Amino acid sequence: MPVPEIAELKPDLIIVNFWMPEGYGSEICNDLKIDESTKNIPIILLSSVNKSVLIDNAKLIMLFINHSL
C-alpha cells in the first residue's frame, strides 16, 4: 500500500512482513518513516529470519528501528 493511502487511513499501528511479493517490507518502512504524515506511526516488521540476515538485507531500515526482539 503506498504512503498516501496509509496517510489517508491514519492507522494506529502498521504490521509489515519483511518478505513481500513485490519487494521488501523494509522499503515500505523507509517510505513511511521519511513521509511527514506517517513518520510517527509505529511499525512492526515481521520476519522469520534471524536478526543478522535482516541487518544484511535491510541496512537502511536499521536507521528507523527503535526496538528489536
C-alpha atoms as a PDB file:
ATOM      1  CA  MET A   1       0.000   0.000   0.000  1.00  0.00           C
ATOM      2  CA  PRO A   2       1.514   3.342  -0.990  1.00  0.00           C
ATOM      3  CA  VAL A   3       2.204   6.008   1.606  1.00  0.00           C
ATOM      4  CA  PRO A   4      -0.643   8.347   0.514  1.00  0.00           C
ATOM      5  CA  GLU A   5      -3.217   5.602   1.120  1.00  0.00           C
ATOM      6  CA  ILE A   6      -1.773   4.846   4.553  1.00  0.00           C
ATOM      7  CA  ALA A   7      -1.680   8.548   5.424  1.00  0.00           C
ATOM      8  CA  GLU A   8      -5.355   8.802   4.479  1.00  0.00           C
ATOM      9  CA  LEU A   9      -6.307   5.802   6.645  1.00  0.00           C
ATOM     10  CA  LYS A  10      -4.304   7.099   9.655  1.00  0.00           C
ATOM     11  CA  PRO A  11      -3.797   3.701  11.330  1.00  0.00           C
ATOM     12  CA  ASP A  12      -2.648   3.462  14.951  1.00  0.00           C
ATOM     13  CA  LEU A  13      -0.189   0.691  14.080  1.00  0.00           C
ATOM     14  CA  ILE A  14       1.202  -0.892  10.905  1.00  0.00           C
ATOM     15  CA  ILE A  15       2.330  -4.514  10.679  1.00  0.00           C
ATOM     16  CA  VAL A  16       4.525  -5.317   7.672  1.00  0.00           C
ATOM     17  CA  ASN A  17       6.093  -8.590   6.601  1.00  0.00           C
ATOM     18  CA  PHE A  18       9.775  -8.269   5.660  1.00  0.00           C
ATOM     19  CA  TRP A  19       9.450 -10.654   2.696  1.00  0.00           C
ATOM     20  CA  MET A  20       6.810  -9.245   0.333  1.00  0.00           C
ATOM     21  CA  PRO A  21       5.834 -10.483  -3.146  1.00  0.00           C
ATOM     22  CA  GLU A  22       6.751  -7.143  -4.709  1.00  0.00           C
ATOM     23  CA  GLY A  23       9.928  -6.423  -2.728  1.00  0.00           C
ATOM     24  CA  TYR A  24      10.901  -5.910   0.885  1.00  0.00           C
ATOM     25  CA  GLY A  25       8.752  -4.623   3.728  1.00  0.00           C
ATOM     26  CA  SER A  26      11.755  -2.516   4.714  1.00  0.00           C
ATOM     27  CA  GLU A  27      11.174  -0.379   1.617  1.00  0.00           C
ATOM     28  CA  ILE A  28       7.657   0.385   2.851  1.00  0.00           C
ATOM     29  CA  CYS A  29       9.042   1.190   6.303  1.00  0.00           C
ATOM     30  CA  ASN A  30      11.583   3.593   4.815  1.00  0.00           C
ATOM     31  CA  ASP A  31       8.885   5.365   2.804  1.00  0.00           C
ATOM     32  CA  LEU A  32       6.636   5.627   5.855  1.00  0.00           C
ATOM     33  CA  LYS A  33       9.355   6.954   8.171  1.00  0.00           C
ATOM     34  CA  ILE A  34      10.501   9.572   5.661  1.00  0.00           C
ATOM     35  CA  ASP A  35       6.990  10.918   4.994  1.00  0.00           C
ATOM     36  CA  GLU A  36       5.894  13.637   7.453  1.00  0.00           C
ATOM     37  CA  SER A  37       2.298  12.399   7.627  1.00  0.00           C
ATOM     38  CA  THR A  38       3.248   8.805   8.546  1.00  0.00           C
ATOM     39  CA  LYS A  39       6.622   9.028  10.313  1.00  0.00           C
ATOM     40  CA  ASN A  40       5.132   8.765  13.826  1.00  0.00           C
ATOM     41  CA  ILE A  41       3.032   5.664  13.167  1.00  0.00           C
ATOM     42  CA  PRO A  42       4.564   2.658  14.958  1.00  0.00           C
ATOM     43  CA  ILE A  43       5.567  -0.196  12.643  1.00  0.00           C
ATOM     44  CA  ILE A  44       6.084  -3.854  13.460  1.00  0.00           C
ATOM     45  CA  LEU A  45       8.314  -5.514  10.875  1.00  0.00           C
ATOM     46  CA  LEU A  46       7.788  -9.278  10.910  1.00  0.00           C
ATOM     47  CA  SER A  47      10.315 -11.793   9.685  1.00  0.00           C
ATOM     48  CA  SER A  48      11.130 -15.456  10.099  1.00  0.00           C
ATOM     49  CA  VAL A  49      14.846 -14.873   9.513  1.00  0.00           C
ATOM     50  CA  ASN A  50      17.381 -14.071  12.210  1.00  0.00           C
ATOM     51  CA  LYS A  51      18.393 -10.521  13.072  1.00  0.00           C
ATOM     52  CA  SER A  52      21.754 -10.682  11.260  1.00  0.00           C
ATOM     53  CA  VAL A  53      20.036 -11.526   7.962  1.00  0.00           C
ATOM     54  CA  LEU A  54      17.660  -8.604   8.442  1.00  0.00           C
ATOM     55  CA  ILE A  55      20.593  -6.282   9.047  1.00  0.00           C
ATOM     56  CA  ASP A  56      22.428  -7.555   5.967  1.00  0.00           C
ATOM     57  CA  ASN A  57      19.341  -7.216   3.754  1.00  0.00           C
ATOM     58  CA  ALA A  58      17.901  -4.001   5.181  1.00  0.00           C
ATOM     59  CA  LYS A  59      20.699  -1.776   6.470  1.00  0.00           C
ATOM     60  CA  LEU A  60      18.725   1.388   5.745  1.00  0.00           C
ATOM     61  CA  ILE A  61      15.771   0.264   7.830  1.00  0.00           C
ATOM     62  CA  MET A  62      18.072  -0.096  10.832  1.00  0.00           C
ATOM     63  CA  LEU A  63      18.172   3.701  10.979  1.00  0.00           C
ATOM     64  CA  PHE A  64      14.490   3.689  11.902  1.00  0.00           C
ATOM     65  CA  ILE A  65      14.259   0.725  14.293  1.00  0.00           C
ATOM     66  CA  ASN A  66      13.502   1.704  17.858  1.00  0.00           C
ATOM     67  CA  HIS A  67      13.359  -1.808  19.295  1.00  0.00           C
ATOM     68  CA  SER A  68      14.240  -5.314  18.183  1.00  0.00           C
ATOM     69  CA  LEU A  69      13.024  -8.594  19.688  1.00  0.00           C
END
